[in-house]
PDB file of all heavy atoms in Angstrom:
ATOM      1  N   MET A   1     119.973 105.821 102.558  1.00  0.00           N
ATOM      2  CA  MET A   1     120.757 104.807 101.799  1.00  0.00           C
ATOM      3  C   MET A   1     121.949 104.519 102.840  1.00  0.00           C
ATOM      4  O   MET A   1     122.669 105.444 103.251  1.00  0.00           O
ATOM      5  CB  MET A   1     121.452 105.336 100.581  1.00  0.00           C
ATOM      6  CG  MET A   1     120.374 105.686  99.497  1.00  0.00           C
ATOM      7  SD  MET A   1     120.947 106.473  98.005  1.00  0.00           S
ATOM      8  CE  MET A   1     122.084 105.093  97.469  1.00  0.00           C
ATOM      9  N   ARG A   2     122.036 103.249 103.228  1.00  0.00           N
ATOM     10  CA  ARG A   2     123.121 102.731 104.159  1.00  0.00           C
ATOM     11  C   ARG A   2     123.204 103.705 105.403  1.00  0.00           C
ATOM     12  O   ARG A   2     124.314 104.106 105.786  1.00  0.00           O
ATOM     13  CB  ARG A   2     124.491 102.805 103.377  1.00  0.00           C
ATOM     14  CG  ARG A   2     124.454 101.747 102.342  1.00  0.00           C
ATOM     15  CD  ARG A   2     125.836 101.604 101.698  1.00  0.00           C
ATOM     16  NE  ARG A   2     125.765 100.725 100.544  1.00  0.00           N
ATOM     17  CZ  ARG A   2     126.211 101.052  99.395  1.00  0.00           C
ATOM     18  NH1 ARG A   2     126.909 102.121  99.138  1.00  0.00           N
ATOM     19  NH2 ARG A   2     126.146 100.183  98.339  1.00  0.00           N
ATOM     20  N   GLY A   3     122.097 103.965 105.981  1.00  0.00           N
ATOM     21  CA  GLY A   3     122.079 104.713 107.265  1.00  0.00           C
ATOM     22  C   GLY A   3     122.277 106.127 107.183  1.00  0.00           C
ATOM     23  O   GLY A   3     122.374 106.834 108.163  1.00  0.00           O
ATOM     24  N   ARG A   4     122.325 106.705 105.907  1.00  0.00           N
ATOM     25  CA  ARG A   4     122.479 108.184 105.894  1.00  0.00           C
ATOM     26  C   ARG A   4     121.454 108.779 104.903  1.00  0.00           C
ATOM     27  O   ARG A   4     120.980 107.985 103.951  1.00  0.00           O
ATOM     28  CB  ARG A   4     123.908 108.598 105.502  1.00  0.00           C
ATOM     29  CG  ARG A   4     124.354 108.126 104.232  1.00  0.00           C
ATOM     30  CD  ARG A   4     125.844 108.526 104.086  1.00  0.00           C
ATOM     31  NE  ARG A   4     126.070 108.346 102.611  1.00  0.00           N
ATOM     32  CZ  ARG A   4     126.637 109.249 101.848  1.00  0.00           C
ATOM     33  NH1 ARG A   4     127.120 110.316 102.287  1.00  0.00           N
ATOM     34  NH2 ARG A   4     126.878 109.000 100.596  1.00  0.00           N
ATOM     35  N   GLN A   5     121.176 109.936 104.948  1.00  0.00           N
ATOM     36  CA  GLN A   5     120.142 110.668 104.132  1.00  0.00           C
ATOM     37  C   GLN A   5     120.710 111.053 102.789  1.00  0.00           C
ATOM     38  O   GLN A   5     121.935 111.576 102.712  1.00  0.00           O
ATOM     39  CB  GLN A   5     119.759 111.952 104.851  1.00  0.00           C
ATOM     40  CG  GLN A   5     118.162 111.941 104.779  1.00  0.00           C
ATOM     41  CD  GLN A   5     117.912 113.269 105.640  1.00  0.00           C
ATOM     42  OE1 GLN A   5     118.538 114.042 106.199  1.00  0.00           O
ATOM     43  NE2 GLN A   5     116.493 113.338 105.818  1.00  0.00           N
ATOM     44  N   ALA A   6     120.151 110.848 101.707  1.00  0.00           N
ATOM     45  CA  ALA A   6     120.542 111.288 100.394  1.00  0.00           C
ATOM     46  C   ALA A   6     119.475 112.140  99.703  1.00  0.00           C
ATOM     47  O   ALA A   6     118.270 111.717  99.797  1.00  0.00           O
ATOM     48  CB  ALA A   6     120.829 110.006  99.566  1.00  0.00           C
ATOM     49  N   VAL A   7     119.790 113.118  99.096  1.00  0.00           N
ATOM     50  CA  VAL A   7     118.893 113.983  98.297  1.00  0.00           C
ATOM     51  C   VAL A   7     118.860 113.534  96.842  1.00  0.00           C
ATOM     52  O   VAL A   7     119.896 113.292  96.323  1.00  0.00           O
ATOM     53  CB  VAL A   7     119.366 115.451  98.379  1.00  0.00           C
ATOM     54  CG1 VAL A   7     118.427 116.343  97.606  1.00  0.00           C
ATOM     55  CG2 VAL A   7     119.408 115.987  99.831  1.00  0.00           C
ATOM     56  N   GLU A   8     117.597 113.341  96.294  1.00  0.00           N
ATOM     57  CA  GLU A   8     117.528 112.905  94.977  1.00  0.00           C
ATOM     58  C   GLU A   8     117.056 114.145  94.072  1.00  0.00           C
ATOM     59  O   GLU A   8     116.362 115.001  94.496  1.00  0.00           O
ATOM     60  CB  GLU A   8     116.358 111.801  94.896  1.00  0.00           C
ATOM     61  CG  GLU A   8     116.753 110.622  95.656  1.00  0.00           C
ATOM     62  CD  GLU A   8     115.618 109.487  95.418  1.00  0.00           C
ATOM     63  OE1 GLU A   8     114.503 109.790  95.333  1.00  0.00           O
ATOM     64  OE2 GLU A   8     116.089 108.310  95.422  1.00  0.00           O
ATOM     65  N   TYR A   9     117.527 114.019  92.815  1.00  0.00           N
ATOM     66  CA  TYR A   9     117.225 115.047  91.912  1.00  0.00           C
ATOM     67  C   TYR A   9     116.652 114.373  90.524  1.00  0.00           C
ATOM     68  O   TYR A   9     117.082 113.226  90.148  1.00  0.00           O
ATOM     69  CB  TYR A   9     118.464 115.863  91.518  1.00  0.00           C
ATOM     70  CG  TYR A   9     118.888 116.756  92.514  1.00  0.00           C
ATOM     71  CD1 TYR A   9     119.812 116.264  93.478  1.00  0.00           C
ATOM     72  CD2 TYR A   9     118.392 118.039  92.675  1.00  0.00           C
ATOM     73  CE1 TYR A   9     120.325 117.079  94.539  1.00  0.00           C
ATOM     74  CE2 TYR A   9     118.847 118.901  93.700  1.00  0.00           C
ATOM     75  CZ  TYR A   9     119.861 118.346  94.574  1.00  0.00           C
ATOM     76  OH  TYR A   9     120.270 119.333  95.526  1.00  0.00           O
ATOM     77  N   MET A  10     115.731 115.010  89.945  1.00  0.00           N
ATOM     78  CA  MET A  10     115.193 114.689  88.647  1.00  0.00           C
ATOM     79  C   MET A  10     115.846 115.561  87.528  1.00  0.00           C
ATOM     80  O   MET A  10     115.907 116.672  87.770  1.00  0.00           O
ATOM     81  CB  MET A  10     113.769 114.744  88.616  1.00  0.00           C
ATOM     82  CG  MET A  10     113.151 114.326  87.132  1.00  0.00           C
ATOM     83  SD  MET A  10     111.415 114.324  87.100  1.00  0.00           S
ATOM     84  CE  MET A  10     110.823 115.729  87.915  1.00  0.00           C
ATOM     85  N   TYR A  11     116.497 114.945  86.570  1.00  0.00           N
ATOM     86  CA  TYR A  11     117.145 115.740  85.560  1.00  0.00           C
ATOM     87  C   TYR A  11     116.414 115.548  84.138  1.00  0.00           C
ATOM     88  O   TYR A  11     115.886 114.551  83.808  1.00  0.00           O
ATOM     89  CB  TYR A  11     118.591 115.092  85.284  1.00  0.00           C
ATOM     90  CG  TYR A  11     119.450 115.328  86.493  1.00  0.00           C
ATOM     91  CD1 TYR A  11     119.440 114.315  87.488  1.00  0.00           C
ATOM     92  CD2 TYR A  11     120.151 116.587  86.777  1.00  0.00           C
ATOM     93  CE1 TYR A  11     120.253 114.480  88.703  1.00  0.00           C
ATOM     94  CE2 TYR A  11     120.956 116.726  87.926  1.00  0.00           C
ATOM     95  CZ  TYR A  11     120.967 115.688  88.895  1.00  0.00           C
ATOM     96  OH  TYR A  11     121.724 115.855  90.003  1.00  0.00           O
ATOM     97  N   ALA A  12     116.366 116.614  83.437  1.00  0.00           N
ATOM     98  CA  ALA A  12     115.778 116.760  82.081  1.00  0.00           C
ATOM     99  C   ALA A  12     116.720 115.919  81.239  1.00  0.00           C
ATOM    100  O   ALA A  12     117.984 116.102  81.201  1.00  0.00           O
ATOM    101  CB  ALA A  12     115.624 118.115  81.608  1.00  0.00           C
ATOM    102  N   ASN A  13     116.255 114.980  80.461  1.00  0.00           N
ATOM    103  CA  ASN A  13     116.989 114.170  79.629  1.00  0.00           C
ATOM    104  C   ASN A  13     116.757 114.580  78.087  1.00  0.00           C
ATOM    105  O   ASN A  13     116.864 113.638  77.260  1.00  0.00           O
ATOM    106  CB  ASN A  13     116.651 112.735  79.724  1.00  0.00           C
ATOM    107  CG  ASN A  13     117.740 111.737  79.285  1.00  0.00           C
ATOM    108  OD1 ASN A  13     118.702 112.018  79.179  1.00  0.00           O
ATOM    109  ND2 ASN A  13     117.243 110.510  78.995  1.00  0.00           N
ATOM    110  N   TYR A  14     116.746 115.883  77.916  1.00  0.00           N
ATOM    111  CA  TYR A  14     116.433 116.419  76.531  1.00  0.00           C
ATOM    112  C   TYR A  14     116.884 117.835  76.619  1.00  0.00           C
ATOM    113  O   TYR A  14     117.066 118.455  77.713  1.00  0.00           O
ATOM    114  CB  TYR A  14     114.942 116.290  76.236  1.00  0.00           C
ATOM    115  CG  TYR A  14     113.999 116.993  77.100  1.00  0.00           C
ATOM    116  CD1 TYR A  14     113.699 118.300  76.984  1.00  0.00           C
ATOM    117  CD2 TYR A  14     113.557 116.250  78.218  1.00  0.00           C
ATOM    118  CE1 TYR A  14     112.783 118.944  77.792  1.00  0.00           C
ATOM    119  CE2 TYR A  14     112.710 116.815  79.077  1.00  0.00           C
ATOM    120  CZ  TYR A  14     112.331 118.170  78.884  1.00  0.00           C
ATOM    121  OH  TYR A  14     111.460 118.825  79.823  1.00  0.00           O
ATOM    122  N   ASP A  15     116.944 118.377  75.535  1.00  0.00           N
ATOM    123  CA  ASP A  15     117.397 119.832  75.453  1.00  0.00           C
ATOM    124  C   ASP A  15     116.179 120.755  75.638  1.00  0.00           C
ATOM    125  O   ASP A  15     115.177 120.790  74.798  1.00  0.00           O
ATOM    126  CB  ASP A  15     118.075 120.173  74.055  1.00  0.00           C
ATOM    127  CG  ASP A  15     118.474 121.565  73.877  1.00  0.00           C
ATOM    128  OD1 ASP A  15     118.142 122.355  74.672  1.00  0.00           O
ATOM    129  OD2 ASP A  15     119.323 121.817  72.948  1.00  0.00           O
ATOM    130  N   ILE A  16     115.964 121.426  76.751  1.00  0.00           N
ATOM    131  CA  ILE A  16     114.902 122.268  77.081  1.00  0.00           C
ATOM    132  C   ILE A  16     114.696 123.395  76.203  1.00  0.00           C
ATOM    133  O   ILE A  16     113.575 123.795  75.740  1.00  0.00           O
ATOM    134  CB  ILE A  16     114.975 122.685  78.528  1.00  0.00           C
ATOM    135  CG1 ILE A  16     114.972 121.636  79.495  1.00  0.00           C
ATOM    136  CG2 ILE A  16     113.969 123.751  78.839  1.00  0.00           C
ATOM    137  CD1 ILE A  16     115.290 121.891  80.927  1.00  0.00           C
ATOM    138  N   GLU A  17     115.708 123.958  75.624  1.00  0.00           N
ATOM    139  CA  GLU A  17     115.643 125.046  74.577  1.00  0.00           C
ATOM    140  C   GLU A  17     115.084 124.572  73.287  1.00  0.00           C
ATOM    141  O   GLU A  17     114.276 125.217  72.666  1.00  0.00           O
ATOM    142  CB  GLU A  17     117.090 125.667  74.422  1.00  0.00           C
ATOM    143  CG  GLU A  17     117.607 126.507  75.578  1.00  0.00           C
ATOM    144  CD  GLU A  17     116.542 127.622  76.029  1.00  0.00           C
ATOM    145  OE1 GLU A  17     116.087 128.293  75.082  1.00  0.00           O
ATOM    146  OE2 GLU A  17     116.402 127.648  77.268  1.00  0.00           O
ATOM    147  N   GLU A  18     115.395 123.314  72.964  1.00  0.00           N
ATOM    148  CA  GLU A  18     114.879 122.704  71.691  1.00  0.00           C
ATOM    149  C   GLU A  18     113.311 122.459  72.027  1.00  0.00           C
ATOM    150  O   GLU A  18     112.535 122.738  71.072  1.00  0.00           O
ATOM    151  CB  GLU A  18     115.489 121.330  71.485  1.00  0.00           C
ATOM    152  CG  GLU A  18     114.931 120.719  70.092  1.00  0.00           C
ATOM    153  CD  GLU A  18     115.766 119.439  69.736  1.00  0.00           C
ATOM    154  OE1 GLU A  18     116.526 118.916  70.552  1.00  0.00           O
ATOM    155  OE2 GLU A  18     115.466 119.053  68.667  1.00  0.00           O
ATOM    156  N   ALA A  19     112.851 122.072  73.126  1.00  0.00           N
ATOM    157  CA  ALA A  19     111.472 121.930  73.449  1.00  0.00           C
ATOM    158  C   ALA A  19     110.745 123.240  73.368  1.00  0.00           C
ATOM    159  O   ALA A  19     109.581 123.331  72.839  1.00  0.00           O
ATOM    160  CB  ALA A  19     111.299 121.396  74.763  1.00  0.00           C
ATOM    161  N   LYS A  20     111.314 124.328  73.782  1.00  0.00           N
ATOM    162  CA  LYS A  20     110.804 125.724  73.694  1.00  0.00           C
ATOM    163  C   LYS A  20     110.697 126.194  72.190  1.00  0.00           C
ATOM    164  O   LYS A  20     109.758 126.728  71.833  1.00  0.00           O
ATOM    165  CB  LYS A  20     111.827 126.708  74.314  1.00  0.00           C
ATOM    166  CG  LYS A  20     111.678 126.623  75.931  1.00  0.00           C
ATOM    167  CD  LYS A  20     112.657 127.623  76.645  1.00  0.00           C
ATOM    168  CE  LYS A  20     112.606 127.356  78.056  1.00  0.00           C
ATOM    169  NZ  LYS A  20     113.562 128.384  78.680  1.00  0.00           N
ATOM    170  N   ARG A  21     111.700 125.868  71.416  1.00  0.00           N
ATOM    171  CA  ARG A  21     111.686 126.170  69.934  1.00  0.00           C
ATOM    172  C   ARG A  21     110.502 125.461  69.291  1.00  0.00           C
ATOM    173  O   ARG A  21     109.712 125.951  68.596  1.00  0.00           O
ATOM    174  CB  ARG A  21     112.959 125.918  69.290  1.00  0.00           C
ATOM    175  CG  ARG A  21     114.025 126.950  69.584  1.00  0.00           C
ATOM    176  CD  ARG A  21     115.188 126.907  68.793  1.00  0.00           C
ATOM    177  NE  ARG A  21     115.924 125.496  69.019  1.00  0.00           N
ATOM    178  CZ  ARG A  21     116.784 125.171  69.856  1.00  0.00           C
ATOM    179  NH1 ARG A  21     117.184 126.118  70.795  1.00  0.00           N
ATOM    180  NH2 ARG A  21     117.362 123.929  69.864  1.00  0.00           N
ATOM    181  N   ASP A  22     110.413 124.099  69.576  1.00  0.00           N
ATOM    182  CA  ASP A  22     109.494 123.243  68.993  1.00  0.00           C
ATOM    183  C   ASP A  22     108.054 123.647  69.531  1.00  0.00           C
ATOM    184  O   ASP A  22     107.047 123.674  68.562  1.00  0.00           O
ATOM    185  CB  ASP A  22     109.646 121.732  69.353  1.00  0.00           C
ATOM    186  CG  ASP A  22     110.916 121.243  68.484  1.00  0.00           C
ATOM    187  OD1 ASP A  22     111.321 121.781  67.591  1.00  0.00           O
ATOM    188  OD2 ASP A  22     111.286 120.110  69.020  1.00  0.00           O
ATOM    189  N   TYR A  23     107.913 124.168  70.644  1.00  0.00           N
ATOM    190  CA  TYR A  23     106.595 124.574  71.139  1.00  0.00           C
ATOM    191  C   TYR A  23     106.097 125.764  70.335  1.00  0.00           C
ATOM    192  O   TYR A  23     104.989 125.911  69.849  1.00  0.00           O
ATOM    193  CB  TYR A  23     106.648 124.917  72.679  1.00  0.00           C
ATOM    194  CG  TYR A  23     105.460 125.633  73.196  1.00  0.00           C
ATOM    195  CD1 TYR A  23     104.503 124.785  73.805  1.00  0.00           C
ATOM    196  CD2 TYR A  23     105.294 126.934  73.101  1.00  0.00           C
ATOM    197  CE1 TYR A  23     103.311 125.377  74.211  1.00  0.00           C
ATOM    198  CE2 TYR A  23     104.143 127.564  73.750  1.00  0.00           C
ATOM    199  CZ  TYR A  23     103.172 126.727  74.174  1.00  0.00           C
ATOM    200  OH  TYR A  23     102.068 127.436  74.734  1.00  0.00           O
ATOM    201  N   GLN A  24     107.092 126.709  70.137  1.00  0.00           N
ATOM    202  CA  GLN A  24     106.762 127.962  69.391  1.00  0.00           C
ATOM    203  C   GLN A  24     106.508 127.660  67.899  1.00  0.00           C
ATOM    204  O   GLN A  24     105.447 128.213  67.258  1.00  0.00           O
ATOM    205  CB  GLN A  24     107.913 128.972  69.491  1.00  0.00           C
ATOM    206  CG  GLN A  24     107.483 130.255  68.773  1.00  0.00           C
ATOM    207  CD  GLN A  24     106.300 130.940  69.522  1.00  0.00           C
ATOM    208  OE1 GLN A  24     106.279 131.070  70.677  1.00  0.00           O
ATOM    209  NE2 GLN A  24     105.319 131.245  68.749  1.00  0.00           N
ATOM    210  N   ALA A  25     107.081 126.782  67.368  1.00  0.00           N
ATOM    211  CA  ALA A  25     106.818 126.315  65.933  1.00  0.00           C
ATOM    212  C   ALA A  25     105.460 125.697  65.808  1.00  0.00           C
ATOM    213  O   ALA A  25     104.748 125.957  64.876  1.00  0.00           O
ATOM    214  CB  ALA A  25     107.908 125.349  65.524  1.00  0.00           C
ATOM    215  N   ILE A  26     105.144 124.878  66.760  1.00  0.00           N
ATOM    216  CA  ILE A  26     103.755 124.279  66.614  1.00  0.00           C
ATOM    217  C   ILE A  26     102.765 125.254  66.941  1.00  0.00           C
ATOM    218  O   ILE A  26     101.687 125.332  66.211  1.00  0.00           O
ATOM    219  CB  ILE A  26     103.714 123.043  67.722  1.00  0.00           C
ATOM    220  CG1 ILE A  26     104.525 121.839  67.060  1.00  0.00           C
ATOM    221  CG2 ILE A  26     102.249 122.642  68.062  1.00  0.00           C
ATOM    222  CD1 ILE A  26     104.604 120.637  67.881  1.00  0.00           C
ATOM    223  N   SER A  27     102.921 126.235  67.849  1.00  0.00           N
ATOM    224  CA  SER A  27     101.980 127.334  68.103  1.00  0.00           C
ATOM    225  C   SER A  27     101.766 128.002  66.804  1.00  0.00           C
ATOM    226  O   SER A  27     100.726 128.448  66.557  1.00  0.00           O
ATOM    227  CB  SER A  27     102.516 128.281  69.201  1.00  0.00           C
ATOM    228  OG  SER A  27     102.450 127.596  70.478  1.00  0.00           O
ATOM    229  N   ASP A  28     102.885 128.318  66.141  1.00  0.00           N
ATOM    230  CA  ASP A  28     102.845 128.981  64.804  1.00  0.00           C
ATOM    231  C   ASP A  28     101.901 128.362  63.785  1.00  0.00           C
ATOM    232  O   ASP A  28     101.093 128.798  62.998  1.00  0.00           O
ATOM    233  CB  ASP A  28     104.138 129.425  64.294  1.00  0.00           C
ATOM    234  CG  ASP A  28     104.894 130.408  65.070  1.00  0.00           C
ATOM    235  OD1 ASP A  28     104.304 131.047  65.960  1.00  0.00           O
ATOM    236  OD2 ASP A  28     106.187 130.493  64.962  1.00  0.00           O
ATOM    237  N   GLN A  29     102.237 126.875  63.706  1.00  0.00           N
ATOM    238  CA  GLN A  29     101.405 126.085  62.806  1.00  0.00           C
ATOM    239  C   GLN A  29      99.899 126.072  63.142  1.00  0.00           C
ATOM    240  O   GLN A  29      99.143 126.096  62.291  1.00  0.00           O
ATOM    241  CB  GLN A  29     101.845 124.625  62.871  1.00  0.00           C
ATOM    242  CG  GLN A  29     103.204 124.324  62.176  1.00  0.00           C
ATOM    243  CD  GLN A  29     103.516 122.879  62.265  1.00  0.00           C
ATOM    244  OE1 GLN A  29     103.211 122.090  63.268  1.00  0.00           O
ATOM    245  NE2 GLN A  29     104.232 122.373  61.294  1.00  0.00           N
ATOM    246  N   ILE A  30      99.708 125.993  64.408  1.00  0.00           N
ATOM    247  CA  ILE A  30      98.158 126.062  64.861  1.00  0.00           C
ATOM    248  C   ILE A  30      97.535 127.357  64.405  1.00  0.00           C
ATOM    249  O   ILE A  30      96.482 127.351  63.873  1.00  0.00           O
ATOM    250  CB  ILE A  30      98.138 125.786  66.427  1.00  0.00           C
ATOM    251  CG1 ILE A  30      98.488 124.352  66.677  1.00  0.00           C
ATOM    252  CG2 ILE A  30      96.630 126.018  66.848  1.00  0.00           C
ATOM    253  CD1 ILE A  30      98.710 124.076  68.141  1.00  0.00           C
ATOM    254  N   ASN A  31      98.227 128.413  64.703  1.00  0.00           N
ATOM    255  CA  ASN A  31      97.757 129.820  64.384  1.00  0.00           C
ATOM    256  C   ASN A  31      97.528 129.923  62.814  1.00  0.00           C
ATOM    257  O   ASN A  31      96.516 130.459  62.292  1.00  0.00           O
ATOM    258  CB  ASN A  31      98.692 130.879  64.815  1.00  0.00           C
ATOM    259  CG  ASN A  31      98.743 131.023  66.315  1.00  0.00           C
ATOM    260  OD1 ASN A  31      97.675 130.656  66.980  1.00  0.00           O
ATOM    261  ND2 ASN A  31      99.850 131.606  66.851  1.00  0.00           N
ATOM    262  N   GLN A  32      98.415 129.313  62.018  1.00  0.00           N
ATOM    263  CA  GLN A  32      98.310 129.364  60.521  1.00  0.00           C
ATOM    264  C   GLN A  32      97.036 128.627  60.140  1.00  0.00           C
ATOM    265  O   GLN A  32      96.255 129.090  59.347  1.00  0.00           O
ATOM    266  CB  GLN A  32      99.535 128.812  59.903  1.00  0.00           C
ATOM    267  CG  GLN A  32      99.502 128.770  58.366  1.00  0.00           C
ATOM    268  CD  GLN A  32     100.794 128.166  57.821  1.00  0.00           C
ATOM    269  OE1 GLN A  32     101.530 127.359  58.421  1.00  0.00           O
ATOM    270  NE2 GLN A  32     100.984 128.473  56.544  1.00  0.00           N
ATOM    271  N   ILE A  33      96.850 127.467  60.695  1.00  0.00           N
ATOM    272  CA  ILE A  33      95.670 126.557  60.347  1.00  0.00           C
ATOM    273  C   ILE A  33      94.421 127.333  60.794  1.00  0.00           C
ATOM    274  O   ILE A  33      93.382 127.381  60.024  1.00  0.00           O
ATOM    275  CB  ILE A  33      95.807 125.179  60.844  1.00  0.00           C
ATOM    276  CG1 ILE A  33      97.059 124.464  60.299  1.00  0.00           C
ATOM    277  CG2 ILE A  33      94.489 124.480  60.777  1.00  0.00           C
ATOM    278  CD1 ILE A  33      97.265 123.046  61.026  1.00  0.00           C
ATOM    279  N   GLN A  34      94.407 127.959  61.967  1.00  0.00           N
ATOM    280  CA  GLN A  34      93.237 128.606  62.470  1.00  0.00           C
ATOM    281  C   GLN A  34      92.900 129.801  61.760  1.00  0.00           C
ATOM    282  O   GLN A  34      91.712 129.956  61.327  1.00  0.00           O
ATOM    283  CB  GLN A  34      93.453 128.947  63.893  1.00  0.00           C
ATOM    284  CG  GLN A  34      92.265 129.516  64.626  1.00  0.00           C
ATOM    285  CD  GLN A  34      91.100 128.451  64.696  1.00  0.00           C
ATOM    286  OE1 GLN A  34      91.294 127.404  65.315  1.00  0.00           O
ATOM    287  NE2 GLN A  34      89.962 128.805  64.183  1.00  0.00           N
TER     288      GLN A  34
END
């Protein structure tokens, strides 16, 4: 950018811990159904 190097980052736009909790809850639901 403008003749100099810039480092780019990708940021999570959500709560990763909430995704972990939801993953576990869905795993539990699948197990219950199975």
